[in-house]
Structure formats: structure tokens, C-alpha cells
């Protein structure tokens, strides 16, 4: 093993290496993105702890609780009016299934065309030279 394999990479380095190399790319990209996410979450948590200790976050939490109570009240009103809304939606049906079926058919047709093009491009072209071996054997 080389020395580089034993060194632990930082998430940013892992992400950069994953984008650079194709063989280990998906693994390194995933590990790099997860590592960056964990690092940013830890930094955010540390900043929130610091803000909470200073007392600024307490005021924001009280305001957020008040906003949450208002949102909960609005959600309760919405739930009470949900049966009327559902009946109104059932009255005007959409043609969404036809659109989805049309898009699926278009995607399948495009895939078939792409497959046939790729298939033709991978088949070798016949040689313009005559065959070196006789095609019909002599009796």
C-alpha cells in the first residue's frame, strides 16, 4: 500500500478526489458530501450553543413558539375545511395520468432510439476486402 492510502482525507479533499477519479468516484463523492454535512452540522450546533448561552436565541425561540402556535391554529382551520376542498377537487378531475403516460411513452421511445443507435455504433463494419478464406468449401 502506498502512503497516501493510510492518510485520512478531510471531507473536502475526499470530495475533490472523488470528482477527479472515476473508479472510486461515487464512494468518495458520497463520503465527502456526508463528511461536509457532518462538519457543517457540528459547526452550526456549536454556534447555536454559543448564541443560546448569550441569550439572543432565547428571544428568538419565544418568537418561534408564538409563530408555531399561530401556524398550528391555521393548520387546524385548514383541516376542518379539508372535506369541502376534497369534494371540490374531485369535481374537477385532471388529465394527469394521461400526461404521465405520454411522458413515459416518450421516454421509452427515446430510450429505444438511443439503444438502437448505440447498438449500431458498436457493431463492426464489414471489411471492403475479399475474405482470406474461401466462403464455400470444396467437396
N, C-alpha and C. Protein backbone atom coordinates (compact mmCIF):
# COMPACT_ATOMS: atom_id res chain seq x y z
N UNK A 1 0.83 -1.18 0.00
CA UNK A 1 0.00 0.00 0.00
C UNK A 1 0.87 1.24 0.00
N UNK A 2 0.37 2.24 -0.64
CA UNK A 2 1.14 3.47 -0.68
C UNK A 2 0.86 4.28 0.58
N UNK A 3 1.64 5.29 0.79
CA UNK A 3 1.49 6.15 1.96
C UNK A 3 0.20 6.94 1.90
N UNK A 4 -0.25 7.29 0.68
CA UNK A 4 -1.46 8.09 0.53
C UNK A 4 -2.70 7.34 1.02
N UNK A 5 -2.72 6.02 0.90
CA UNK A 5 -3.89 5.24 1.28
C UNK A 5 -4.07 5.25 2.79
N UNK A 6 -3.01 5.40 3.56
CA UNK A 6 -3.10 5.37 5.00
C UNK A 6 -3.49 6.73 5.59
N UNK A 7 -3.33 7.79 4.85
CA UNK A 7 -3.64 9.13 5.36
C UNK A 7 -5.14 9.35 5.28
N UNK A 8 -5.74 9.84 6.37
CA UNK A 8 -7.17 10.13 6.38
C UNK A 8 -7.39 11.46 5.68
N UNK A 9 -8.34 11.44 4.75
CA UNK A 9 -8.64 12.63 3.98
C UNK A 9 -9.72 13.44 4.66
N UNK A 10 -9.60 14.76 4.53
CA UNK A 10 -10.67 15.64 5.00
C UNK A 10 -11.83 15.51 4.04
N UNK A 11 -13.04 15.83 4.47
CA UNK A 11 -14.20 15.69 3.56
C UNK A 11 -14.05 16.47 2.26
N UNK A 12 -13.50 17.65 2.30
CA UNK A 12 -13.31 18.42 1.06
C UNK A 12 -12.31 17.75 0.13
N UNK A 13 -11.23 17.21 0.73
CA UNK A 13 -10.25 16.51 -0.09
C UNK A 13 -10.85 15.24 -0.69
N UNK A 14 -11.67 14.54 0.10
CA UNK A 14 -12.30 13.33 -0.38
C UNK A 14 -13.27 13.64 -1.52
N UNK A 15 -14.03 14.74 -1.38
CA UNK A 15 -14.95 15.14 -2.43
C UNK A 15 -14.18 15.50 -3.70
N UNK A 16 -13.09 16.24 -3.56
CA UNK A 16 -12.30 16.61 -4.73
C UNK A 16 -11.70 15.38 -5.39
N UNK A 17 -11.19 14.43 -4.58
CA UNK A 17 -10.63 13.21 -5.15
C UNK A 17 -11.71 12.37 -5.81
N UNK A 18 -12.90 12.33 -5.22
CA UNK A 18 -14.00 11.57 -5.80
C UNK A 18 -14.43 12.13 -7.13
N UNK A 19 -14.41 13.44 -7.25
CA UNK A 19 -14.77 14.04 -8.53
C UNK A 19 -13.67 13.84 -9.56
N UNK A 20 -12.43 13.67 -9.10
CA UNK A 20 -11.30 13.53 -10.01
C UNK A 20 -11.18 12.10 -10.55
N UNK A 21 -11.32 11.12 -9.71
CA UNK A 21 -11.13 9.74 -10.12
C UNK A 21 -12.47 9.07 -10.34
N UNK A 22 -12.59 8.33 -11.42
CA UNK A 22 -13.87 7.71 -11.73
C UNK A 22 -14.05 6.37 -11.04
N UNK A 23 -12.98 5.65 -10.77
CA UNK A 23 -13.12 4.31 -10.19
C UNK A 23 -13.65 4.39 -8.77
N UNK A 24 -13.14 5.29 -7.96
CA UNK A 24 -13.59 5.43 -6.58
C UNK A 24 -14.47 6.65 -6.43
N UNK A 25 -14.87 7.22 -7.53
CA UNK A 25 -15.61 8.48 -7.53
C UNK A 25 -16.90 8.46 -6.73
N UNK A 26 -17.85 7.57 -7.05
CA UNK A 26 -19.12 7.61 -6.32
C UNK A 26 -18.97 7.43 -4.81
N UNK A 27 -18.07 6.55 -4.40
CA UNK A 27 -17.87 6.33 -2.97
C UNK A 27 -17.29 7.56 -2.32
N UNK A 28 -16.23 8.14 -2.94
CA UNK A 28 -15.60 9.30 -2.36
C UNK A 28 -16.51 10.53 -2.41
N UNK A 29 -17.29 10.67 -3.47
CA UNK A 29 -18.21 11.80 -3.53
C UNK A 29 -19.23 11.69 -2.40
N UNK A 30 -19.77 10.49 -2.20
CA UNK A 30 -20.75 10.30 -1.14
C UNK A 30 -20.14 10.54 0.23
N UNK A 31 -18.97 9.96 0.46
CA UNK A 31 -18.33 10.16 1.77
C UNK A 31 -17.93 11.60 1.98
N UNK A 32 -17.50 12.28 0.91
CA UNK A 32 -17.13 13.68 1.03
C UNK A 32 -18.32 14.56 1.36
N UNK A 33 -19.44 14.32 0.67
CA UNK A 33 -20.64 15.13 0.92
C UNK A 33 -21.16 14.88 2.32
N UNK A 34 -21.17 13.61 2.76
CA UNK A 34 -21.62 13.30 4.12
C UNK A 34 -20.69 13.93 5.14
N UNK A 35 -19.40 13.87 4.90
CA UNK A 35 -18.43 14.48 5.83
C UNK A 35 -18.60 15.98 5.93
N UNK A 36 -18.80 16.63 4.79
CA UNK A 36 -19.01 18.08 4.81
C UNK A 36 -20.29 18.40 5.56
N UNK A 37 -21.33 17.59 5.33
CA UNK A 37 -22.59 17.81 6.04
C UNK A 37 -22.43 17.65 7.55
N UNK A 38 -21.68 16.63 7.98
CA UNK A 38 -21.46 16.42 9.41
C UNK A 38 -20.66 17.57 9.99
N UNK A 39 -19.61 18.01 9.28
CA UNK A 39 -18.81 19.12 9.76
C UNK A 39 -19.63 20.39 9.89
N UNK A 40 -20.46 20.67 8.87
CA UNK A 40 -21.27 21.89 8.94
C UNK A 40 -22.32 21.79 10.03
N UNK A 41 -22.87 20.59 10.26
CA UNK A 41 -23.84 20.41 11.34
C UNK A 41 -23.18 20.64 12.70
N UNK A 42 -21.98 20.13 12.87
CA UNK A 42 -21.27 20.33 14.13
C UNK A 42 -20.95 21.80 14.35
N UNK A 43 -20.53 22.49 13.29
CA UNK A 43 -20.24 23.91 13.42
C UNK A 43 -21.49 24.71 13.73
N UNK A 44 -22.60 24.34 13.10
CA UNK A 44 -23.87 25.03 13.37
C UNK A 44 -24.31 24.80 14.80
N UNK A 45 -24.16 23.56 15.28
CA UNK A 45 -24.55 23.27 16.67
C UNK A 45 -23.70 24.06 17.65
N UNK A 46 -22.42 24.18 17.37
CA UNK A 46 -21.55 24.95 18.26
C UNK A 46 -21.94 26.42 18.26
N UNK A 47 -22.27 26.95 17.08
CA UNK A 47 -22.69 28.35 17.01
C UNK A 47 -24.02 28.56 17.72
N UNK A 48 -24.94 27.60 17.60
CA UNK A 48 -26.22 27.72 18.29
C UNK A 48 -26.06 27.66 19.81
N UNK A 49 -25.18 26.78 20.27
CA UNK A 49 -24.91 26.73 21.71
C UNK A 49 -24.36 28.06 22.22
N UNK A 50 -23.46 28.63 21.44
CA UNK A 50 -22.87 29.91 21.84
C UNK A 50 -23.93 31.01 21.86
N UNK A 51 -24.80 31.04 20.84
CA UNK A 51 -25.84 32.06 20.79
C UNK A 51 -26.87 31.86 21.91
N UNK A 52 -27.17 30.60 22.21
CA UNK A 52 -28.14 30.34 23.26
C UNK A 52 -27.60 30.80 24.62
N UNK A 53 -26.33 30.55 24.83
CA UNK A 53 -25.73 30.98 26.09
C UNK A 53 -25.70 32.49 26.21
N UNK A 54 -25.56 33.17 25.10
CA UNK A 54 -25.53 34.64 25.17
C UNK A 54 -26.93 35.22 25.37
N UNK A 55 -27.97 34.43 25.20
CA UNK A 55 -29.32 34.90 25.48
C UNK A 55 -30.08 35.39 24.26
N UNK A 56 -29.43 35.52 23.12
CA UNK A 56 -30.13 36.00 21.93
C UNK A 56 -31.09 34.95 21.41
N UNK A 57 -30.73 33.72 21.50
CA UNK A 57 -31.56 32.66 20.95
C UNK A 57 -32.82 32.45 21.78
N UNK A 58 -32.77 32.76 23.08
CA UNK A 58 -33.96 32.60 23.92
C UNK A 58 -35.11 33.46 23.40
N UNK A 59 -34.78 34.67 23.02
CA UNK A 59 -35.81 35.58 22.49
C UNK A 59 -36.35 35.05 21.16
N UNK A 60 -35.45 34.55 20.32
CA UNK A 60 -35.88 34.01 19.03
C UNK A 60 -36.73 32.76 19.22
N UNK A 61 -36.41 31.93 20.22
CA UNK A 61 -37.20 30.74 20.48
C UNK A 61 -38.61 31.11 20.95
N UNK A 62 -38.73 32.14 21.76
CA UNK A 62 -40.05 32.58 22.21
C UNK A 62 -40.88 33.07 21.02
N UNK A 63 -40.24 33.82 20.13
CA UNK A 63 -40.95 34.29 18.93
C UNK A 63 -41.32 33.11 18.04
N UNK A 64 -40.45 32.13 17.93
CA UNK A 64 -40.73 30.96 17.10
C UNK A 64 -41.87 30.14 17.69
N UNK A 65 -41.94 30.05 19.01
CA UNK A 65 -43.05 29.33 19.64
C UNK A 65 -44.37 30.03 19.36
N UNK A 66 -44.35 31.34 19.40
CA UNK A 66 -45.57 32.10 19.12
C UNK A 66 -46.00 31.89 17.66
N UNK A 67 -45.04 31.94 16.76
CA UNK A 67 -45.33 31.71 15.34
C UNK A 67 -45.84 30.29 15.13
N UNK A 68 -45.25 29.35 15.82
CA UNK A 68 -45.68 27.96 15.70
C UNK A 68 -47.11 27.78 16.18
N UNK A 69 -47.48 28.46 17.26
CA UNK A 69 -48.85 28.39 17.75
C UNK A 69 -49.82 28.95 16.71
N UNK A 70 -49.44 30.05 16.06
CA UNK A 70 -50.29 30.63 15.02
C UNK A 70 -50.42 29.68 13.83
N UNK A 71 -49.32 29.05 13.44
CA UNK A 71 -49.34 28.10 12.33
C UNK A 71 -50.21 26.89 12.67
N UNK A 72 -50.15 26.45 13.92
CA UNK A 72 -50.96 25.31 14.35
C UNK A 72 -52.44 25.65 14.28
N UNK A 73 -52.79 26.86 14.67
CA UNK A 73 -54.18 27.29 14.58
C UNK A 73 -54.64 27.33 13.13
N UNK A 74 -53.79 27.86 12.25
CA UNK A 74 -54.13 27.90 10.83
C UNK A 74 -54.26 26.50 10.25
N UNK A 75 -53.41 25.58 10.70
CA UNK A 75 -53.49 24.20 10.22
C UNK A 75 -54.77 23.53 10.68
N UNK A 76 -55.21 23.82 11.91
CA UNK A 76 -56.47 23.26 12.39
C UNK A 76 -57.64 23.77 11.57
N UNK A 77 -57.61 25.04 11.21
CA UNK A 77 -58.67 25.58 10.36
C UNK A 77 -58.66 24.92 8.98
N UNK A 78 -57.48 24.66 8.48
CA UNK A 78 -57.36 24.01 7.18
C UNK A 78 -57.91 22.59 7.22
N UNK A 79 -57.62 21.89 8.31
CA UNK A 79 -58.09 20.50 8.43
C UNK A 79 -59.61 20.47 8.53
N UNK A 80 -60.20 21.45 9.20
CA UNK A 80 -61.65 21.45 9.30
C UNK A 80 -62.30 21.71 7.94
N UNK A 81 -61.65 22.45 7.07
CA UNK A 81 -62.20 22.71 5.73
C UNK A 81 -61.75 21.72 4.69
N UNK A 82 -61.04 20.68 5.11
CA UNK A 82 -60.49 19.71 4.16
C UNK A 82 -61.57 18.91 3.41
N UNK A 83 -62.65 18.47 4.04
CA UNK A 83 -63.66 17.72 3.27
C UNK A 83 -64.25 18.52 2.10
N UNK A 84 -64.53 19.81 2.32
CA UNK A 84 -65.05 20.62 1.23
C UNK A 84 -64.02 20.77 0.12
N UNK A 85 -62.78 20.93 0.48
CA UNK A 85 -61.72 21.08 -0.52
C UNK A 85 -61.57 19.80 -1.34
N UNK A 86 -61.64 18.64 -0.67
CA UNK A 86 -61.51 17.38 -1.39
C UNK A 86 -62.68 17.17 -2.35
N UNK A 87 -63.88 17.54 -1.94
CA UNK A 87 -65.03 17.40 -2.82
C UNK A 87 -64.89 18.32 -4.03
N UNK A 88 -64.36 19.52 -3.82
CA UNK A 88 -64.17 20.44 -4.93
C UNK A 88 -63.11 19.91 -5.90
N UNK A 89 -62.08 19.27 -5.38
CA UNK A 89 -61.04 18.72 -6.24
C UNK A 89 -61.54 17.53 -7.03
N UNK A 90 -62.40 16.72 -6.40
CA UNK A 90 -62.93 15.56 -7.11
C UNK A 90 -63.84 16.00 -8.25
N UNK A 91 -64.49 17.15 -8.07
CA UNK A 91 -65.38 17.65 -9.11
C UNK A 91 -64.61 18.01 -10.37
N UNK A 92 -63.44 18.57 -10.24
CA UNK A 92 -62.66 18.93 -11.43
C UNK A 92 -61.43 18.01 -11.51
N UNK A 93 -61.62 16.92 -12.21
CA UNK A 93 -60.53 15.95 -12.38
C UNK A 93 -59.53 16.44 -13.40
N UNK A 94 -58.31 16.07 -13.19
CA UNK A 94 -57.24 16.46 -14.10
C UNK A 94 -56.89 15.31 -15.02
N UNK A 95 -56.23 15.63 -16.07
CA UNK A 95 -55.76 14.60 -17.01
C UNK A 95 -54.31 14.23 -16.75
N UNK A 96 -53.96 14.25 -15.50
CA UNK A 96 -52.58 13.98 -15.12
C UNK A 96 -52.13 12.57 -15.51
N UNK A 97 -52.95 11.52 -15.33
CA UNK A 97 -52.49 10.18 -15.73
C UNK A 97 -52.18 10.09 -17.22
N UNK A 98 -52.95 10.79 -18.06
CA UNK A 98 -52.66 10.76 -19.49
C UNK A 98 -51.33 11.46 -19.79
N UNK A 99 -51.07 12.54 -19.09
CA UNK A 99 -49.80 13.25 -19.30
C UNK A 99 -48.64 12.38 -18.86
N UNK A 100 -48.79 11.72 -17.72
CA UNK A 100 -47.72 10.85 -17.22
C UNK A 100 -47.49 9.69 -18.19
N UNK A 101 -48.56 9.12 -18.71
CA UNK A 101 -48.42 8.02 -19.67
C UNK A 101 -47.75 8.51 -20.95
N UNK A 102 -48.09 9.71 -21.40
CA UNK A 102 -47.46 10.26 -22.60
C UNK A 102 -45.97 10.50 -22.39
N UNK A 103 -45.62 11.04 -21.23
CA UNK A 103 -44.19 11.28 -20.94
C UNK A 103 -43.45 9.95 -20.85
N UNK A 104 -44.07 8.95 -20.22
CA UNK A 104 -43.42 7.64 -20.11
C UNK A 104 -43.22 7.02 -21.49
N UNK A 105 -44.21 7.15 -22.37
CA UNK A 105 -44.07 6.61 -23.72
C UNK A 105 -42.96 7.33 -24.48
N UNK A 106 -42.89 8.64 -24.32
CA UNK A 106 -41.84 9.41 -24.99
C UNK A 106 -40.45 9.01 -24.48
N UNK A 107 -40.34 8.80 -23.18
CA UNK A 107 -39.05 8.38 -22.61
C UNK A 107 -38.67 7.00 -23.12
N UNK A 108 -39.63 6.08 -23.17
CA UNK A 108 -39.34 4.74 -23.68
C UNK A 108 -38.94 4.78 -25.16
N UNK A 109 -39.65 5.60 -25.94
CA UNK A 109 -39.30 5.70 -27.36
C UNK A 109 -37.90 6.29 -27.53
N UNK A 110 -37.60 7.31 -26.75
CA UNK A 110 -36.25 7.91 -26.81
C UNK A 110 -35.19 6.91 -26.40
N UNK A 111 -35.48 6.10 -25.39
CA UNK A 111 -34.52 5.07 -24.96
C UNK A 111 -34.32 4.02 -26.03
N UNK A 112 -35.40 3.65 -26.71
CA UNK A 112 -35.27 2.66 -27.79
C UNK A 112 -34.43 3.19 -28.93
N UNK A 113 -34.65 4.45 -29.28
CA UNK A 113 -33.85 5.06 -30.36
C UNK A 113 -32.39 5.14 -29.94
N UNK A 114 -32.13 5.58 -28.72
CA UNK A 114 -30.75 5.67 -28.24
C UNK A 114 -30.10 4.30 -28.20
N UNK A 115 -30.85 3.27 -27.78
CA UNK A 115 -30.31 1.92 -27.72
C UNK A 115 -29.94 1.43 -29.12
N UNK A 116 -30.82 1.68 -30.10
CA UNK A 116 -30.53 1.21 -31.45
C UNK A 116 -29.33 1.94 -32.04
N UNK A 117 -29.19 3.22 -31.73
CA UNK A 117 -28.03 3.97 -32.24
C UNK A 117 -26.75 3.44 -31.61
N UNK A 118 -26.77 3.22 -30.32
CA UNK A 118 -25.58 2.70 -29.64
C UNK A 118 -25.27 1.29 -30.13
N UNK A 119 -26.30 0.50 -30.31
CA UNK A 119 -26.11 -0.87 -30.78
C UNK A 119 -25.46 -0.89 -32.16
N UNK A 120 -25.94 -0.03 -33.05
CA UNK A 120 -25.37 0.03 -34.40
C UNK A 120 -23.93 0.53 -34.38
N UNK A 121 -23.64 1.47 -33.48
CA UNK A 121 -22.29 2.03 -33.46
C UNK A 121 -21.27 1.04 -32.89
N UNK A 122 -21.73 0.07 -32.08
CA UNK A 122 -20.79 -0.90 -31.51
C UNK A 122 -20.54 -2.09 -32.43
N UNK A 123 -21.37 -2.31 -33.45
CA UNK A 123 -21.16 -3.43 -34.37
C UNK A 123 -20.08 -3.05 -35.38
N UNK A 124 -19.13 -3.96 -35.62
CA UNK A 124 -18.07 -3.64 -36.57
C UNK A 124 -18.62 -3.57 -38.01
N UNK A 125 -18.04 -2.68 -38.77
CA UNK A 125 -18.46 -2.56 -40.17
C UNK A 125 -17.81 -3.69 -40.98
N UNK A 126 -18.49 -4.19 -42.01
CA UNK A 126 -17.88 -5.26 -42.81
C UNK A 126 -16.67 -4.73 -43.58
N UNK A 127 -15.69 -5.59 -43.74
CA UNK A 127 -14.46 -5.19 -44.41
C UNK A 127 -14.70 -5.10 -45.93
N UNK A 128 -14.13 -4.08 -46.57
CA UNK A 128 -14.28 -3.98 -48.02
C UNK A 128 -13.38 -4.97 -48.76
N UNK A 129 -12.45 -5.61 -48.06
CA UNK A 129 -11.54 -6.57 -48.70
C UNK A 129 -12.24 -7.91 -48.85
N UNK A 130 -11.85 -8.68 -49.85
CA UNK A 130 -12.43 -10.02 -50.00
C UNK A 130 -11.97 -10.92 -48.86
N UNK A 131 -12.72 -11.93 -48.52
CA UNK A 131 -12.32 -12.81 -47.42
C UNK A 131 -11.05 -13.58 -47.77
N UNK A 132 -10.21 -13.81 -46.75
CA UNK A 132 -8.95 -14.52 -46.98
C UNK A 132 -9.16 -16.02 -47.04
N UNK A 133 -10.28 -16.51 -46.58
CA UNK A 133 -10.59 -17.93 -46.60
C UNK A 133 -11.78 -18.13 -47.54
N UNK A 134 -11.80 -19.22 -48.25
CA UNK A 134 -12.91 -19.47 -49.15
C UNK A 134 -14.20 -19.63 -48.34
N UNK A 135 -15.24 -18.97 -48.85
CA UNK A 135 -16.51 -19.00 -48.15
C UNK A 135 -17.20 -20.35 -48.34
N UNK A 136 -17.17 -20.87 -49.55
CA UNK A 136 -17.81 -22.17 -49.81
C UNK A 136 -16.72 -23.25 -49.88
N UNK A 137 -16.76 -24.24 -49.02
CA UNK A 137 -15.73 -25.28 -49.06
C UNK A 137 -15.91 -26.19 -50.26
N UNK A 138 -14.81 -26.72 -50.74
CA UNK A 138 -14.85 -27.65 -51.88
C UNK A 138 -15.16 -29.05 -51.37
N UNK A 139 -15.94 -29.79 -52.15
CA UNK A 139 -16.29 -31.17 -51.71
C UNK A 139 -15.17 -32.16 -51.84
